[in-house]
PDB file of N, CA and C in Angstrom:
ATOM      1  N   MET A   1      13.127 -26.866 124.583  1.00  0.00           N
ATOM      2  CA  MET A   1      12.437 -25.725 124.025  1.00  0.00           C
ATOM      3  C   MET A   1      11.207 -26.233 123.279  1.00  0.00           C
ATOM      4  N   PRO A   2      10.100 -26.349 123.967  1.00  0.00           N
ATOM      5  CA  PRO A   2       8.913 -26.900 123.297  1.00  0.00           C
ATOM      6  C   PRO A   2       8.316 -25.938 122.270  1.00  0.00           C
ATOM      7  N   ALA A   3       7.991 -26.479 121.133  1.00  0.00           N
ATOM      8  CA  ALA A   3       7.332 -25.698 120.089  1.00  0.00           C
ATOM      9  C   ALA A   3       5.875 -25.477 120.476  1.00  0.00           C
ATOM     10  N   MET A   4       5.328 -24.369 119.992  1.00  0.00           N
ATOM     11  CA  MET A   4       3.953 -24.001 120.295  1.00  0.00           C
ATOM     12  C   MET A   4       3.197 -23.732 118.998  1.00  0.00           C
ATOM     13  N   ARG A   5       1.875 -23.877 119.061  1.00  0.00           N
ATOM     14  CA  ARG A   5       0.986 -23.469 117.972  1.00  0.00           C
ATOM     15  C   ARG A   5       0.026 -22.449 118.556  1.00  0.00           C
ATOM     16  N   PHE A   6      -0.234 -21.390 117.812  1.00  0.00           N
ATOM     17  CA  PHE A   6      -1.257 -20.438 118.233  1.00  0.00           C
ATOM     18  C   PHE A   6      -2.244 -20.265 117.086  1.00  0.00           C
ATOM     19  N   ASN A   7      -3.507 -20.500 117.408  1.00  0.00           N
ATOM     20  CA  ASN A   7      -4.564 -20.457 116.409  1.00  0.00           C
ATOM     21  C   ASN A   7      -5.177 -19.066 116.375  1.00  0.00           C
ATOM     22  N   VAL A   8      -5.382 -18.572 115.170  1.00  0.00           N
ATOM     23  CA  VAL A   8      -5.919 -17.223 115.010  1.00  0.00           C
ATOM     24  C   VAL A   8      -7.080 -17.214 114.026  1.00  0.00           C
ATOM     25  N   ILE A   9      -7.970 -16.249 114.233  1.00  0.00           N
ATOM     26  CA  ILE A   9      -9.048 -15.970 113.288  1.00  0.00           C
ATOM     27  C   ILE A   9      -8.787 -14.576 112.728  1.00  0.00           C
ATOM     28  N   TRP A  10      -8.692 -14.512 111.409  1.00  0.00           N
ATOM     29  CA  TRP A  10      -8.402 -13.263 110.711  1.00  0.00           C
ATOM     30  C   TRP A  10      -9.680 -12.447 110.515  1.00  0.00           C
ATOM     31  N   PRO A  11      -9.565 -11.188 110.114  1.00  0.00           N
ATOM     32  CA  PRO A  11     -10.749 -10.333 109.952  1.00  0.00           C
ATOM     33  C   PRO A  11     -11.814 -10.890 109.001  1.00  0.00           C
ATOM     34  N   ASP A  12     -11.422 -11.713 108.043  1.00  0.00           N
ATOM     35  CA  ASP A  12     -12.393 -12.289 107.102  1.00  0.00           C
ATOM     36  C   ASP A  12     -12.999 -13.596 107.604  1.00  0.00           C
ATOM     37  N   GLY A  13     -12.634 -14.014 108.829  1.00  0.00           N
ATOM     38  CA  GLY A  13     -13.170 -15.248 109.401  1.00  0.00           C
ATOM     39  C   GLY A  13     -12.333 -16.477 109.115  1.00  0.00           C
ATOM     40  N   SER A  14     -11.317 -16.354 108.276  1.00  0.00           N
ATOM     41  CA  SER A  14     -10.453 -17.504 108.004  1.00  0.00           C
ATOM     42  C   SER A  14      -9.584 -17.788 109.231  1.00  0.00           C
ATOM     43  N   GLU A  15      -9.178 -19.038 109.357  1.00  0.00           N
ATOM     44  CA  GLU A  15      -8.406 -19.458 110.522  1.00  0.00           C
ATOM     45  C   GLU A  15      -7.057 -20.019 110.100  1.00  0.00           C
ATOM     46  N   ASP A  16      -6.056 -19.769 110.931  1.00  0.00           N
ATOM     47  CA  ASP A  16      -4.722 -20.319 110.715  1.00  0.00           C
ATOM     48  C   ASP A  16      -4.179 -20.856 112.024  1.00  0.00           C
ATOM     49  N   SER A  17      -3.374 -21.893 111.908  1.00  0.00           N
ATOM     50  CA  SER A  17      -2.609 -22.408 113.036  1.00  0.00           C
ATOM     51  C   SER A  17      -1.166 -21.997 112.790  1.00  0.00           C
ATOM     52  N   CYS A  18      -0.655 -21.140 113.664  1.00  0.00           N
ATOM     53  CA  CYS A  18       0.671 -20.557 113.481  1.00  0.00           C
ATOM     54  C   CYS A  18       1.687 -21.232 114.397  1.00  0.00           C
ATOM     55  N   TYR A  19       2.947 -21.182 114.004  1.00  0.00           N
ATOM     56  CA  TYR A  19       4.031 -21.887 114.687  1.00  0.00           C
ATOM     57  C   TYR A  19       4.949 -20.928 115.428  1.00  0.00           C
ATOM     58  N   SER A  20       5.346 -21.331 116.624  1.00  0.00           N
ATOM     59  CA  SER A  20       6.417 -20.660 117.359  1.00  0.00           C
ATOM     60  C   SER A  20       7.350 -21.743 117.889  1.00  0.00           C
ATOM     61  N   PRO A  21       8.658 -21.579 117.736  1.00  0.00           N
ATOM     62  CA  PRO A  21       9.589 -22.605 118.208  1.00  0.00           C
ATOM     63  C   PRO A  21       9.793 -22.584 119.722  1.00  0.00           C
ATOM     64  N   SER A  22       9.132 -21.668 120.404  1.00  0.00           N
ATOM     65  CA  SER A  22       9.394 -21.480 121.829  1.00  0.00           C
ATOM     66  C   SER A  22       8.125 -21.053 122.557  1.00  0.00           C
ATOM     67  N   THR A  23       8.097 -21.303 123.852  1.00  0.00           N
ATOM     68  CA  THR A  23       6.978 -20.866 124.692  1.00  0.00           C
ATOM     69  C   THR A  23       6.951 -19.353 124.866  1.00  0.00           C
ATOM     70  N   VAL A  24       7.953 -18.655 124.372  1.00  0.00           N
ATOM     71  CA  VAL A  24       7.998 -17.195 124.500  1.00  0.00           C
ATOM     72  C   VAL A  24       6.721 -16.546 123.964  1.00  0.00           C
ATOM     73  N   ILE A  25       6.060 -17.188 123.022  1.00  0.00           N
ATOM     74  CA  ILE A  25       4.836 -16.631 122.439  1.00  0.00           C
ATOM     75  C   ILE A  25       3.777 -16.383 123.510  1.00  0.00           C
ATOM     76  N   THR A  26       3.784 -17.194 124.572  1.00  0.00           N
ATOM     77  CA  THR A  26       2.778 -17.044 125.629  1.00  0.00           C
ATOM     78  C   THR A  26       2.991 -15.778 126.456  1.00  0.00           C
ATOM     79  N   ARG A  27       4.164 -15.176 126.365  1.00  0.00           N
ATOM     80  CA  ARG A  27       4.410 -13.899 127.048  1.00  0.00           C
ATOM     81  C   ARG A  27       3.863 -12.725 126.239  1.00  0.00           C
ATOM     82  N   TYR A  28       3.579 -12.967 124.987  1.00  0.00           N
ATOM     83  CA  TYR A  28       3.150 -11.899 124.088  1.00  0.00           C
ATOM     84  C   TYR A  28       1.668 -11.951 123.723  1.00  0.00           C
ATOM     85  N   LEU A  29       1.114 -13.146 123.607  1.00  0.00           N
ATOM     86  CA  LEU A  29      -0.274 -13.309 123.174  1.00  0.00           C
ATOM     87  C   LEU A  29      -1.091 -14.029 124.240  1.00  0.00           C
ATOM     88  N   GLN A  30      -2.367 -13.701 124.305  1.00  0.00           N
ATOM     89  CA  GLN A  30      -3.298 -14.337 125.235  1.00  0.00           C
ATOM     90  C   GLN A  30      -4.386 -15.053 124.442  1.00  0.00           C
ATOM     91  N   GLU A  31      -4.784 -16.227 124.924  1.00  0.00           N
ATOM     92  CA  GLU A  31      -5.902 -16.934 124.303  1.00  0.00           C
ATOM     93  C   GLU A  31      -7.183 -16.120 124.451  1.00  0.00           C
ATOM     94  N   ASN A  32      -8.101 -16.329 123.502  1.00  0.00           N
ATOM     95  CA  ASN A  32      -9.419 -15.683 123.530  1.00  0.00           C
ATOM     96  C   ASN A  32      -9.324 -14.160 123.621  1.00  0.00           C
ATOM     97  N   THR A  33      -8.361 -13.612 122.900  1.00  0.00           N
ATOM     98  CA  THR A  33      -8.149 -12.167 122.906  1.00  0.00           C
ATOM     99  C   THR A  33      -8.099 -11.652 121.475  1.00  0.00           C
ATOM    100  N   ARG A  34      -8.749 -10.507 121.265  1.00  0.00           N
ATOM    101  CA  ARG A  34      -8.715  -9.833 119.959  1.00  0.00           C
ATOM    102  C   ARG A  34      -7.654  -8.739 119.999  1.00  0.00           C
ATOM    103  N   TYR A  35      -6.930  -8.626 118.901  1.00  0.00           N
ATOM    104  CA  TYR A  35      -5.890  -7.606 118.771  1.00  0.00           C
ATOM    105  C   TYR A  35      -6.139  -6.797 117.507  1.00  0.00           C
ATOM    106  N   PRO A  36      -5.946  -5.490 117.576  1.00  0.00           N
ATOM    107  CA  PRO A  36      -5.942  -4.734 116.320  1.00  0.00           C
ATOM    108  C   PRO A  36      -4.870  -5.334 115.399  1.00  0.00           C
ATOM    109  N   LEU A  37      -5.149  -5.375 114.124  1.00  0.00           N
ATOM    110  CA  LEU A  37      -4.255  -6.022 113.160  1.00  0.00           C
ATOM    111  C   LEU A  37      -2.813  -5.548 113.286  1.00  0.00           C
ATOM    112  N   GLU A  38      -2.622  -4.245 113.353  1.00  0.00           N
ATOM    113  CA  GLU A  38      -1.264  -3.702 113.436  1.00  0.00           C
ATOM    114  C   GLU A  38      -0.568  -4.153 114.725  1.00  0.00           C
ATOM    115  N   THR A  39      -1.304  -4.179 115.818  1.00  0.00           N
ATOM    116  CA  THR A  39      -0.749  -4.631 117.099  1.00  0.00           C
ATOM    117  C   THR A  39      -0.379  -6.103 117.029  1.00  0.00           C
ATOM    118  N   PHE A  40      -1.271  -6.915 116.476  1.00  0.00           N
ATOM    119  CA  PHE A  40      -1.006  -8.347 116.346  1.00  0.00           C
ATOM    120  C   PHE A  40       0.259  -8.594 115.528  1.00  0.00           C
ATOM    121  N   THR A  41       0.388  -7.895 114.418  1.00  0.00           N
ATOM    122  CA  THR A  41       1.559  -8.070 113.558  1.00  0.00           C
ATOM    123  C   THR A  41       2.836  -7.659 114.285  1.00  0.00           C
ATOM    124  N   ARG A  42       2.782  -6.538 114.987  1.00  0.00           N
ATOM    125  CA  ARG A  42       3.952  -6.065 115.740  1.00  0.00           C
ATOM    126  C   ARG A  42       4.323  -7.053 116.855  1.00  0.00           C
ATOM    127  N   ILE A  43       3.332  -7.559 117.571  1.00  0.00           N
ATOM    128  CA  ILE A  43       3.583  -8.525 118.642  1.00  0.00           C
ATOM    129  C   ILE A  43       4.215  -9.793 118.075  1.00  0.00           C
ATOM    130  N   CYS A  44       3.676 -10.288 116.974  1.00  0.00           N
ATOM    131  CA  CYS A  44       4.229 -11.504 116.364  1.00  0.00           C
ATOM    132  C   CYS A  44       5.659 -11.278 115.908  1.00  0.00           C
ATOM    133  N   ASP A  45       5.933 -10.105 115.379  1.00  0.00           N
ATOM    134  CA  ASP A  45       7.295  -9.774 114.966  1.00  0.00           C
ATOM    135  C   ASP A  45       8.248  -9.867 116.157  1.00  0.00           C
ATOM    136  N   GLN A  46       7.871  -9.256 117.257  1.00  0.00           N
ATOM    137  CA  GLN A  46       8.717  -9.283 118.456  1.00  0.00           C
ATOM    138  C   GLN A  46       8.859 -10.704 119.001  1.00  0.00           C
ATOM    139  N   ALA A  47       7.738 -11.395 119.139  1.00  0.00           N
ATOM    140  CA  ALA A  47       7.746 -12.726 119.751  1.00  0.00           C
ATOM    141  C   ALA A  47       8.510 -13.742 118.911  1.00  0.00           C
ATOM    142  N   LEU A  48       8.259 -13.763 117.610  1.00  0.00           N
ATOM    143  CA  LEU A  48       8.911 -14.765 116.765  1.00  0.00           C
ATOM    144  C   LEU A  48      10.391 -14.464 116.564  1.00  0.00           C
ATOM    145  N   ASN A  49      10.765 -13.202 116.558  1.00  0.00           N
ATOM    146  CA  ASN A  49      12.193 -12.877 116.513  1.00  0.00           C
ATOM    147  C   ASN A  49      12.881 -13.296 117.807  1.00  0.00           C
ATOM    148  N   GLU A  50      12.237 -13.046 118.935  1.00  0.00           N
ATOM    149  CA  GLU A  50      12.814 -13.484 120.208  1.00  0.00           C
ATOM    150  C   GLU A  50      12.907 -15.007 120.269  1.00  0.00           C
ATOM    151  N   ALA A  51      11.875 -15.693 119.812  1.00  0.00           N
ATOM    152  CA  ALA A  51      11.892 -17.155 119.804  1.00  0.00           C
ATOM    153  C   ALA A  51      13.022 -17.678 118.916  1.00  0.00           C
ATOM    154  N   SER A  52      13.205 -17.063 117.762  1.00  0.00           N
ATOM    155  CA  SER A  52      14.274 -17.468 116.856  1.00  0.00           C
ATOM    156  C   SER A  52      15.643 -17.235 117.490  1.00  0.00           C
ATOM    157  N   GLN A  53      15.786 -16.136 118.212  1.00  0.00           N
ATOM    158  CA  GLN A  53      17.050 -15.864 118.901  1.00  0.00           C
ATOM    159  C   GLN A  53      17.319 -16.891 119.996  1.00  0.00           C
ATOM    160  N   ARG A  54      16.270 -17.340 120.652  1.00  0.00           N
ATOM    161  CA  ARG A  54      16.440 -18.396 121.665  1.00  0.00           C
ATOM    162  C   ARG A  54      16.968 -19.679 121.019  1.00  0.00           C
ATOM    163  N   VAL A  55      16.430 -19.987 119.855  1.00  0.00           N
ATOM    164  CA  VAL A  55      16.906 -21.166 119.126  1.00  0.00           C
ATOM    165  C   VAL A  55      18.381 -20.984 118.786  1.00  0.00           C
ATOM    166  N   GLU A  56      18.736 -19.790 118.335  1.00  0.00           N
ATOM    167  CA  GLU A  56      20.139 -19.535 117.988  1.00  0.00           C
ATOM    168  C   GLU A  56      21.044 -19.699 119.211  1.00  0.00           C
ATOM    169  N   GLN A  57      20.613 -19.199 120.348  1.00  0.00           N
ATOM    170  CA  GLN A  57      21.418 -19.329 121.562  1.00  0.00           C
ATOM    171  C   GLN A  57      21.621 -20.791 121.945  1.00  0.00           C
ATOM    172  N   LYS A  58      20.591 -21.595 121.737  1.00  0.00           N
ATOM    173  CA  LYS A  58      20.676 -22.999 122.137  1.00  0.00           C
ATOM    174  C   LYS A  58      21.373 -23.873 121.091  1.00  0.00           C
ATOM    175  N   TYR A  59      21.070 -23.630 119.798  1.00  0.00           N
ATOM    176  CA  TYR A  59      21.548 -24.529 118.748  1.00  0.00           C
ATOM    177  C   TYR A  59      22.577 -23.907 117.801  1.00  0.00           C
ATOM    178  N   GLY A  60      22.768 -22.598 117.888  1.00  0.00           N
ATOM    179  CA  GLY A  60      23.771 -21.956 117.049  1.00  0.00           C
ATOM    180  C   GLY A  60      23.270 -21.446 115.715  1.00  0.00           C
ATOM    181  N   TYR A  61      21.966 -21.490 115.468  1.00  0.00           N
ATOM    182  CA  TYR A  61      21.403 -20.975 114.220  1.00  0.00           C
ATOM    183  C   TYR A  61      19.986 -20.464 114.471  1.00  0.00           C
ATOM    184  N   PHE A  62      19.595 -19.453 113.685  1.00  0.00           N
ATOM    185  CA  PHE A  62      18.244 -18.915 113.784  1.00  0.00           C
ATOM    186  C   PHE A  62      17.224 -19.954 113.344  1.00  0.00           C
ATOM    187  N   CYS A  63      15.991 -19.788 113.782  1.00  0.00           N
ATOM    188  CA  CYS A  63      14.915 -20.701 113.401  1.00  0.00           C
ATOM    189  C   CYS A  63      14.246 -20.195 112.124  1.00  0.00           C
ATOM    190  N   SER A  64      14.532 -20.845 111.023  1.00  0.00           N
ATOM    191  CA  SER A  64      13.941 -20.425 109.751  1.00  0.00           C
ATOM    192  C   SER A  64      12.427 -20.637 109.746  1.00  0.00           C
ATOM    193  N   SER A  65      11.933 -21.620 110.493  1.00  0.00           N
ATOM    194  CA  SER A  65      10.483 -21.851 110.557  1.00  0.00           C
ATOM    195  C   SER A  65       9.762 -20.677 111.211  1.00  0.00           C
ATOM    196  N   ALA A  66      10.376 -20.087 112.228  1.00  0.00           N
ATOM    197  CA  ALA A  66       9.779 -18.912 112.871  1.00  0.00           C
ATOM    198  C   ALA A  66       9.745 -17.741 111.898  1.00  0.00           C
ATOM    199  N   MET A  67      10.814 -17.574 111.129  1.00  0.00           N
ATOM    200  CA  MET A  67      10.860 -16.482 110.165  1.00  0.00           C
ATOM    201  C   MET A  67       9.882 -16.717 109.013  1.00  0.00           C
ATOM    202  N   ASP A  68       9.727 -17.979 108.610  1.00  0.00           N
ATOM    203  CA  ASP A  68       8.731 -18.306 107.586  1.00  0.00           C
ATOM    204  C   ASP A  68       7.327 -17.979 108.092  1.00  0.00           C
ATOM    205  N   GLN A  69       7.051 -18.343 109.348  1.00  0.00           N
ATOM    206  CA  GLN A  69       5.738 -18.065 109.926  1.00  0.00           C
ATOM    207  C   GLN A  69       5.493 -16.563 109.994  1.00  0.00           C
ATOM    208  N   LEU A  70       6.496 -15.817 110.404  1.00  0.00           N
ATOM    209  CA  LEU A  70       6.358 -14.368 110.476  1.00  0.00           C
ATOM    210  C   LEU A  70       6.069 -13.781 109.094  1.00  0.00           C
ATOM    211  N   SER A  71       6.713 -14.288 108.085  1.00  0.00           N
ATOM    212  CA  SER A  71       6.468 -13.832 106.719  1.00  0.00           C
ATOM    213  C   SER A  71       5.020 -14.104 106.305  1.00  0.00           C
ATOM    214  N   LEU A  72       4.511 -15.281 106.645  1.00  0.00           N
ATOM    215  CA  LEU A  72       3.118 -15.617 106.332  1.00  0.00           C
ATOM    216  C   LEU A  72       2.154 -14.676 107.047  1.00  0.00           C
ATOM    217  N   ILE A  73       2.438 -14.391 108.314  1.00  0.00           N
ATOM    218  CA  ILE A  73       1.586 -13.476 109.086  1.00  0.00           C
ATOM    219  C   ILE A  73       1.604 -12.087 108.461  1.00  0.00           C
ATOM    220  N   ARG A  74       2.779 -11.588 108.131  1.00  0.00           N
ATOM    221  CA  ARG A  74       2.888 -10.254 107.522  1.00  0.00           C
ATOM    222  C   ARG A  74       2.134 -10.181 106.193  1.00  0.00           C
ATOM    223  N   ASN A  75       2.300 -11.214 105.372  1.00  0.00           N
ATOM    224  CA  ASN A  75       1.636 -11.231 104.067  1.00  0.00           C
ATOM    225  C   ASN A  75       0.119 -11.264 104.208  1.00  0.00           C
ATOM    226  N   LYS A  76      -0.375 -12.092 105.125  1.00  0.00           N
ATOM    227  CA  LYS A  76      -1.825 -12.177 105.310  1.00  0.00           C
ATOM    228  C   LYS A  76      -2.348 -10.874 105.906  1.00  0.00           C
ATOM    229  N   ALA A  77      -1.631 -10.318 106.868  1.00  0.00           N
ATOM    230  CA  ALA A  77      -2.050  -9.057 107.483  1.00  0.00           C
ATOM    231  C   ALA A  77      -2.142  -7.947 106.441  1.00  0.00           C
ATOM    232  N   ALA A  78      -1.242  -7.951 105.490  1.00  0.00           N
ATOM    233  CA  ALA A  78      -1.231  -6.912 104.453  1.00  0.00           C
ATOM    234  C   ALA A  78      -2.521  -6.912 103.640  1.00  0.00           C
ATOM    235  N   THR A  79      -3.159  -8.065 103.512  1.00  0.00           N
ATOM    236  CA  THR A  79      -4.402  -8.135 102.734  1.00  0.00           C
ATOM    237  C   THR A  79      -5.562  -7.438 103.443  1.00  0.00           C
ATOM    238  N   PHE A  80      -5.428  -7.199 104.744  1.00  0.00           N
ATOM    239  CA  PHE A  80      -6.494  -6.551 105.513  1.00  0.00           C
ATOM    240  C   PHE A  80      -6.144  -5.124 105.916  1.00  0.00           C
ATOM    241  N   ALA A  81      -5.009  -4.634 105.492  1.00  0.00           N
ATOM    242  CA  ALA A  81      -4.510  -3.333 105.947  1.00  0.00           C
ATOM    243  C   ALA A  81      -5.465  -2.184 105.633  1.00  0.00           C
ATOM    244  N   GLN A  82      -6.224  -2.276 104.569  1.00  0.00           N
ATOM    245  CA  GLN A  82      -7.139  -1.195 104.183  1.00  0.00           C
ATOM    246  C   GLN A  82      -8.535  -1.357 104.778  1.00  0.00           C
ATOM    247  N   SER A  83      -8.758  -2.418 105.539  1.00  0.00           N
ATOM    248  CA  SER A  83     -10.062  -2.653 106.161  1.00  0.00           C
ATOM    249  C   SER A  83     -10.285  -1.677 107.309  1.00  0.00           C
ATOM    250  N   ASP A  84     -11.548  -1.429 107.629  1.00  0.00           N
ATOM    251  CA  ASP A  84     -11.880  -0.601 108.791  1.00  0.00           C
ATOM    252  C   ASP A  84     -11.637  -1.386 110.067  1.00  0.00           C
ATOM    253  N   THR A  85     -10.800  -0.882 110.921  1.00  0.00           N
ATOM    254  CA  THR A  85     -10.475  -1.468 112.233  1.00  0.00           C
ATOM    255  C   THR A  85     -10.372  -3.000 112.215  1.00  0.00           C
ATOM    256  N   PRO A  86      -9.500  -3.554 111.378  1.00  0.00           N
ATOM    257  CA  PRO A  86      -9.357  -5.014 111.335  1.00  0.00           C
ATOM    258  C   PRO A  86      -8.781  -5.550 112.646  1.00  0.00           C
ATOM    259  N   GLN A  87      -9.299  -6.708 113.053  1.00  0.00           N
ATOM    260  CA  GLN A  87      -8.816  -7.352 114.266  1.00  0.00           C
ATOM    261  C   GLN A  87      -8.518  -8.815 113.995  1.00  0.00           C
ATOM    262  N   VAL A  88      -7.577  -9.336 114.780  1.00  0.00           N
ATOM    263  CA  VAL A  88      -7.216 -10.749 114.732  1.00  0.00           C
ATOM    264  C   VAL A  88      -7.493 -11.316 116.116  1.00  0.00           C
ATOM    265  N   GLN A  89      -8.155 -12.460 116.155  1.00  0.00           N
ATOM    266  CA  GLN A  89      -8.436 -13.098 117.441  1.00  0.00           C
ATOM    267  C   GLN A  89      -7.538 -14.316 117.620  1.00  0.00           C
ATOM    268  N   VAL A  90      -6.860 -14.379 118.751  1.00  0.00           N
ATOM    269  CA  VAL A  90      -6.091 -15.565 119.122  1.00  0.00           C
ATOM    270  C   VAL A  90      -7.046 -16.458 119.900  1.00  0.00           C
ATOM    271  N   THR A  91      -7.291 -17.655 119.386  1.00  0.00           N
ATOM    272  CA  THR A  91      -8.274 -18.532 120.023  1.00  0.00           C
ATOM    273  C   THR A  91      -7.649 -19.578 120.929  1.00  0.00           C
ATOM    274  N   ARG A  92      -6.417 -19.970 120.607  1.00  0.00           N
ATOM    275  CA  ARG A  92      -5.812 -21.064 121.369  1.00  0.00           C
ATOM    276  C   ARG A  92      -4.299 -21.014 121.224  1.00  0.00           C
ATOM    277  N   ILE A  93      -3.606 -21.350 122.311  1.00  0.00           N
ATOM    278  CA  ILE A  93      -2.148 -21.483 122.289  1.00  0.00           C
ATOM    279  C   ILE A  93      -1.830 -22.807 122.963  1.00  0.00           C
ATOM    280  N   VAL A  94      -1.183 -23.710 122.225  1.00  0.00           N
ATOM    281  CA  VAL A  94      -0.913 -25.042 122.763  1.00  0.00           C
ATOM    282  C   VAL A  94       0.509 -25.479 122.447  1.00  0.00           C
ATOM    283  N   GLN A  95       1.031 -26.314 123.329  1.00  0.00           N
ATOM    284  CA  GLN A  95       2.338 -26.913 123.078  1.00  0.00           C
ATOM    285  C   GLN A  95       2.181 -27.968 122.008  1.00  0.00           C
ATOM    286  N   GLN A  96       3.106 -27.990 121.077  1.00  0.00           N
ATOM    287  CA  GLN A  96       3.034 -28.924 119.953  1.00  0.00           C
ATOM    288  C   GLN A  96       3.489 -30.298 120.364  1.00  0.00           C
TER     289      GLN A  96
END
């Protein structure tokens, strides 16, 4: 189960490298694609929960790193919630 990193640019221009414990993230996000903030957050919620469940199926426990990453994404997204049409751009998805 190869871990992945997906790089994003937030509405304020700041950049983050985010973690997924599984390649499942590639089924949800596309490189060089902009997402409305709410859509991006919802997609990450689905993808990282699915990735964590895959870890549980294989190793017998949820992936706390995926849940930590999801928490960071939710918290950062909340800072832009009042912005006009905020978007997040996924710039790169790579195997770690």
